[in-house]
């Protein structure tokens, strides 16, 4: 697609925003822990909840990033694509796992709660599976593109 294509830009912005989504909750949790002896339990709980809700309810950035990368991988029409096609399907699976995060405000227990089997464990496992698969493929693709030019 090239460096300024819509999928490239969507993936880039999604990645940048995923970074923000990771940093802001950490700051909120640090705030909850800072001067804990002077804060009420309700304030600490509110900050803790704010951190998790911010982290989980901004899933659409990671979703868009995964979808854009998956589409770009599957659109590669080279004789020997830069990424294996199965990595594109992992991107789509990861994106699909993010969708149930929309139910977090409505579930305090069970698989759709922020700490539930689906909305906590499945999301984190798939995110790290995606990272573990995309990173070496990206380095190989980069080396290949550099050698071709």
C-alpha atoms as a PDB file:
ATOM      1  CA  UNK A   1       0.000   0.000   0.000  1.00  0.00           C
ATOM      2  CA  UNK A   2       2.837   2.390   0.745  1.00  0.00           C
ATOM      3  CA  UNK A   3       3.653   4.507   3.753  1.00  0.00           C
ATOM      4  CA  UNK A   4       0.816   7.058   3.441  1.00  0.00           C
ATOM      5  CA  UNK A   5      -2.024   4.731   2.472  1.00  0.00           C
ATOM      6  CA  UNK A   6      -5.220   4.624   4.550  1.00  0.00           C
ATOM      7  CA  UNK A   7      -4.437   1.206   6.032  1.00  0.00           C
ATOM      8  CA  UNK A   8      -0.896   2.273   6.944  1.00  0.00           C
ATOM      9  CA  UNK A   9      -2.156   5.435   8.599  1.00  0.00           C
ATOM     10  CA  UNK A  10      -4.943   3.567  10.422  1.00  0.00           C
ATOM     11  CA  UNK A  11      -2.423   1.042  11.722  1.00  0.00           C
ATOM     12  CA  UNK A  12      -0.035   3.813  12.774  1.00  0.00           C
ATOM     13  CA  UNK A  13      -2.695   5.869  14.560  1.00  0.00           C
ATOM     14  CA  UNK A  14      -4.125   2.713  16.149  1.00  0.00           C
ATOM     15  CA  UNK A  15      -0.672   1.802  17.433  1.00  0.00           C
ATOM     16  CA  UNK A  16      -0.047   5.289  18.804  1.00  0.00           C
ATOM     17  CA  UNK A  17      -3.439   5.380  20.508  1.00  0.00           C
ATOM     18  CA  UNK A  18      -2.908   1.884  21.916  1.00  0.00           C
ATOM     19  CA  UNK A  19       0.207   3.324  23.540  1.00  0.00           C
ATOM     20  CA  UNK A  20      -1.877   6.117  25.077  1.00  0.00           C
ATOM     21  CA  UNK A  21      -4.478   3.587  26.201  1.00  0.00           C
ATOM     22  CA  UNK A  22      -1.715   1.713  27.998  1.00  0.00           C
ATOM     23  CA  UNK A  23      -0.068   4.734  29.628  1.00  0.00           C
ATOM     24  CA  UNK A  24      -3.094   6.697  30.906  1.00  0.00           C
ATOM     25  CA  UNK A  25      -4.555   3.873  33.045  1.00  0.00           C
ATOM     26  CA  UNK A  26      -1.112   3.245  34.525  1.00  0.00           C
ATOM     27  CA  UNK A  27      -0.980   6.908  35.582  1.00  0.00           C
ATOM     28  CA  UNK A  28      -4.487   6.670  37.058  1.00  0.00           C
ATOM     29  CA  UNK A  29      -3.496   3.549  39.031  1.00  0.00           C
ATOM     30  CA  UNK A  30      -0.311   5.290  40.217  1.00  0.00           C
ATOM     31  CA  UNK A  31      -2.481   8.198  41.347  1.00  0.00           C
ATOM     32  CA  UNK A  32      -4.678   5.790  43.317  1.00  0.00           C
ATOM     33  CA  UNK A  33      -1.588   4.383  45.035  1.00  0.00           C
ATOM     34  CA  UNK A  34       0.056   7.763  45.645  1.00  0.00           C
ATOM     35  CA  UNK A  35      -0.539   8.993  49.211  1.00  0.00           C
ATOM     36  CA  UNK A  36      -2.820   6.020  49.777  1.00  0.00           C
ATOM     37  CA  UNK A  37      -2.802   6.702  53.508  1.00  0.00           C
ATOM     38  CA  UNK A  38      -4.621  10.029  52.940  1.00  0.00           C
ATOM     39  CA  UNK A  39      -7.231   8.804  50.454  1.00  0.00           C
ATOM     40  CA  UNK A  40     -10.570   7.258  51.248  1.00  0.00           C
ATOM     41  CA  UNK A  41     -11.277   3.715  50.140  1.00  0.00           C
ATOM     42  CA  UNK A  42     -14.002   5.079  47.853  1.00  0.00           C
ATOM     43  CA  UNK A  43     -11.548   7.411  46.088  1.00  0.00           C
ATOM     44  CA  UNK A  44      -9.036   4.612  45.594  1.00  0.00           C
ATOM     45  CA  UNK A  45     -11.778   2.330  44.252  1.00  0.00           C
ATOM     46  CA  UNK A  46     -12.996   5.058  41.887  1.00  0.00           C
ATOM     47  CA  UNK A  47      -9.504   5.628  40.487  1.00  0.00           C
ATOM     48  CA  UNK A  48      -8.951   1.875  40.166  1.00  0.00           C
ATOM     49  CA  UNK A  49     -12.237   1.511  38.278  1.00  0.00           C
ATOM     50  CA  UNK A  50     -11.449   4.541  36.097  1.00  0.00           C
ATOM     51  CA  UNK A  51      -8.119   2.995  35.120  1.00  0.00           C
ATOM     52  CA  UNK A  52      -9.683  -0.312  34.107  1.00  0.00           C
ATOM     53  CA  UNK A  53     -12.641   1.255  32.323  1.00  0.00           C
ATOM     54  CA  UNK A  54     -10.362   3.605  30.377  1.00  0.00           C
ATOM     55  CA  UNK A  55      -8.088   0.695  29.503  1.00  0.00           C
ATOM     56  CA  UNK A  56     -10.875  -1.626  28.384  1.00  0.00           C
ATOM     57  CA  UNK A  57     -13.393   0.767  26.855  1.00  0.00           C
ATOM     58  CA  UNK A  58     -10.895   2.269  24.431  1.00  0.00           C
ATOM     59  CA  UNK A  59     -10.540  -1.106  22.698  1.00  0.00           C
ATOM     60  CA  UNK A  60     -11.521   0.348  19.325  1.00  0.00           C
ATOM     61  CA  UNK A  61      -8.002   1.710  18.747  1.00  0.00           C
ATOM     62  CA  UNK A  62      -6.434  -1.731  19.023  1.00  0.00           C
ATOM     63  CA  UNK A  63      -9.363  -3.146  17.053  1.00  0.00           C
ATOM     64  CA  UNK A  64      -8.795  -0.739  14.153  1.00  0.00           C
ATOM     65  CA  UNK A  65      -5.053  -1.375  14.257  1.00  0.00           C
ATOM     66  CA  UNK A  66      -5.545  -5.134  14.036  1.00  0.00           C
ATOM     67  CA  UNK A  67      -8.129  -4.905  11.252  1.00  0.00           C
ATOM     68  CA  UNK A  68      -5.993  -2.517   9.175  1.00  0.00           C
ATOM     69  CA  UNK A  69      -2.954  -4.751   9.531  1.00  0.00           C
ATOM     70  CA  UNK A  70      -4.975  -7.841   8.660  1.00  0.00           C
ATOM     71  CA  UNK A  71      -6.423  -6.222   5.543  1.00  0.00           C
ATOM     72  CA  UNK A  72      -2.993  -4.983   4.447  1.00  0.00           C
ATOM     73  CA  UNK A  73      -1.504  -8.449   4.882  1.00  0.00           C
ATOM     74  CA  UNK A  74      -4.269 -10.107   2.875  1.00  0.00           C
ATOM     75  CA  UNK A  75      -4.132  -7.434   0.147  1.00  0.00           C
ATOM     76  CA  UNK A  76      -0.431  -8.118  -0.505  1.00  0.00           C
ATOM     77  CA  UNK A  77      -0.399  -9.567  -4.034  1.00  0.00           C
ATOM     78  CA  UNK A  78       3.337 -10.254  -4.297  1.00  0.00           C
ATOM     79  CA  UNK A  79       4.372 -13.693  -5.471  1.00  0.00           C
ATOM     80  CA  UNK A  80       5.903 -14.072  -2.033  1.00  0.00           C
ATOM     81  CA  UNK A  81       3.949 -11.808   0.383  1.00  0.00           C
ATOM     82  CA  UNK A  82       5.817  -9.910   3.099  1.00  0.00           C
ATOM     83  CA  UNK A  83       3.713 -11.549   5.817  1.00  0.00           C
ATOM     84  CA  UNK A  84       2.235 -15.042   5.765  1.00  0.00           C
ATOM     85  CA  UNK A  85      -1.529 -14.900   5.172  1.00  0.00           C
ATOM     86  CA  UNK A  86      -2.216 -16.705   8.453  1.00  0.00           C
ATOM     87  CA  UNK A  87      -0.848 -13.656  10.319  1.00  0.00           C
ATOM     88  CA  UNK A  88      -3.614 -11.591   8.716  1.00  0.00           C
ATOM     89  CA  UNK A  89      -6.174 -14.044  10.062  1.00  0.00           C
ATOM     90  CA  UNK A  90      -4.635 -13.792  13.534  1.00  0.00           C
ATOM     91  CA  UNK A  91      -5.106 -10.024  13.249  1.00  0.00           C
ATOM     92  CA  UNK A  92      -8.806 -10.520  12.521  1.00  0.00           C
ATOM     93  CA  UNK A  93      -9.209 -13.048  15.344  1.00  0.00           C
ATOM     94  CA  UNK A  94      -7.563 -10.620  17.748  1.00  0.00           C
ATOM     95  CA  UNK A  95      -9.873  -7.825  16.590  1.00  0.00           C
ATOM     96  CA  UNK A  96     -12.899 -10.073  17.066  1.00  0.00           C
ATOM     97  CA  UNK A  97     -11.850 -10.882  20.633  1.00  0.00           C
ATOM     98  CA  UNK A  98     -11.889  -7.127  21.435  1.00  0.00           C
ATOM     99  CA  UNK A  99     -15.555  -6.649  20.466  1.00  0.00           C
ATOM    100  CA  UNK A 100     -17.124  -8.123  23.659  1.00  0.00           C
ATOM    101  CA  UNK A 101     -15.305  -5.419  25.658  1.00  0.00           C
ATOM    102  CA  UNK A 102     -18.309  -3.257  24.780  1.00  0.00           C
ATOM    103  CA  UNK A 103     -20.259  -5.192  27.454  1.00  0.00           C
ATOM    104  CA  UNK A 104     -17.968  -4.250  30.356  1.00  0.00           C
ATOM    105  CA  UNK A 105     -20.166  -1.397  31.667  1.00  0.00           C
ATOM    106  CA  UNK A 106     -23.069  -3.815  31.927  1.00  0.00           C
ATOM    107  CA  UNK A 107     -21.396  -6.810  33.590  1.00  0.00           C
ATOM    108  CA  UNK A 108     -19.812  -6.865  37.020  1.00  0.00           C
ATOM    109  CA  UNK A 109     -19.262 -10.633  37.079  1.00  0.00           C
ATOM    110  CA  UNK A 110     -18.901 -13.410  34.548  1.00  0.00           C
ATOM    111  CA  UNK A 111     -17.001 -13.652  31.264  1.00  0.00           C
ATOM    112  CA  UNK A 112     -17.994 -10.128  30.121  1.00  0.00           C
ATOM    113  CA  UNK A 113     -16.806  -8.361  33.287  1.00  0.00           C
ATOM    114  CA  UNK A 114     -13.511  -6.453  33.101  1.00  0.00           C
ATOM    115  CA  UNK A 115     -11.811  -9.325  34.929  1.00  0.00           C
ATOM    116  CA  UNK A 116     -13.813 -12.109  33.267  1.00  0.00           C
ATOM    117  CA  UNK A 117     -12.560 -15.030  31.243  1.00  0.00           C
ATOM    118  CA  UNK A 118     -13.418 -13.429  27.906  1.00  0.00           C
ATOM    119  CA  UNK A 119     -12.847  -9.734  28.513  1.00  0.00           C
ATOM    120  CA  UNK A 120      -9.645 -10.125  30.492  1.00  0.00           C
ATOM    121  CA  UNK A 121      -7.936 -13.418  29.751  1.00  0.00           C
ATOM    122  CA  UNK A 122      -8.916 -13.943  26.114  1.00  0.00           C
ATOM    123  CA  UNK A 123      -8.110 -10.327  25.207  1.00  0.00           C
ATOM    124  CA  UNK A 124      -4.700 -10.355  26.856  1.00  0.00           C
ATOM    125  CA  UNK A 125      -3.762 -13.761  25.502  1.00  0.00           C
ATOM    126  CA  UNK A 126      -4.744 -12.819  21.941  1.00  0.00           C
ATOM    127  CA  UNK A 127      -3.012  -9.430  22.168  1.00  0.00           C
ATOM    128  CA  UNK A 128       0.263 -11.078  23.157  1.00  0.00           C
ATOM    129  CA  UNK A 129      -0.180 -13.886  20.620  1.00  0.00           C
ATOM    130  CA  UNK A 130      -0.587 -11.195  17.961  1.00  0.00           C
ATOM    131  CA  UNK A 131       2.521  -9.354  19.155  1.00  0.00           C
ATOM    132  CA  UNK A 132       4.520 -12.594  19.321  1.00  0.00           C
ATOM    133  CA  UNK A 133       3.549 -13.496  15.748  1.00  0.00           C
ATOM    134  CA  UNK A 134       3.669 -10.059  14.094  1.00  0.00           C
ATOM    135  CA  UNK A 135       7.001  -8.887  15.540  1.00  0.00           C
ATOM    136  CA  UNK A 136       9.300 -11.527  13.987  1.00  0.00           C
ATOM    137  CA  UNK A 137       7.329 -11.391  10.720  1.00  0.00           C
ATOM    138  CA  UNK A 138       7.702  -7.597  10.638  1.00  0.00           C
ATOM    139  CA  UNK A 139      11.466  -7.840  11.157  1.00  0.00           C
ATOM    140  CA  UNK A 140      11.735 -10.422   8.366  1.00  0.00           C
ATOM    141  CA  UNK A 141       9.592  -8.251   6.084  1.00  0.00           C
ATOM    142  CA  UNK A 142      11.715  -5.212   6.865  1.00  0.00           C
ATOM    143  CA  UNK A 143      14.927  -7.075   6.051  1.00  0.00           C
ATOM    144  CA  UNK A 144      13.371  -8.290   2.801  1.00  0.00           C
ATOM    145  CA  UNK A 145      12.182  -4.833   1.769  1.00  0.00           C
ATOM    146  CA  UNK A 146      15.614  -3.378   2.555  1.00  0.00           C
ATOM    147  CA  UNK A 147      17.359  -6.049   0.495  1.00  0.00           C
ATOM    148  CA  UNK A 148      14.995  -5.467  -2.453  1.00  0.00           C
ATOM    149  CA  UNK A 149      15.712  -1.733  -2.603  1.00  0.00           C
END
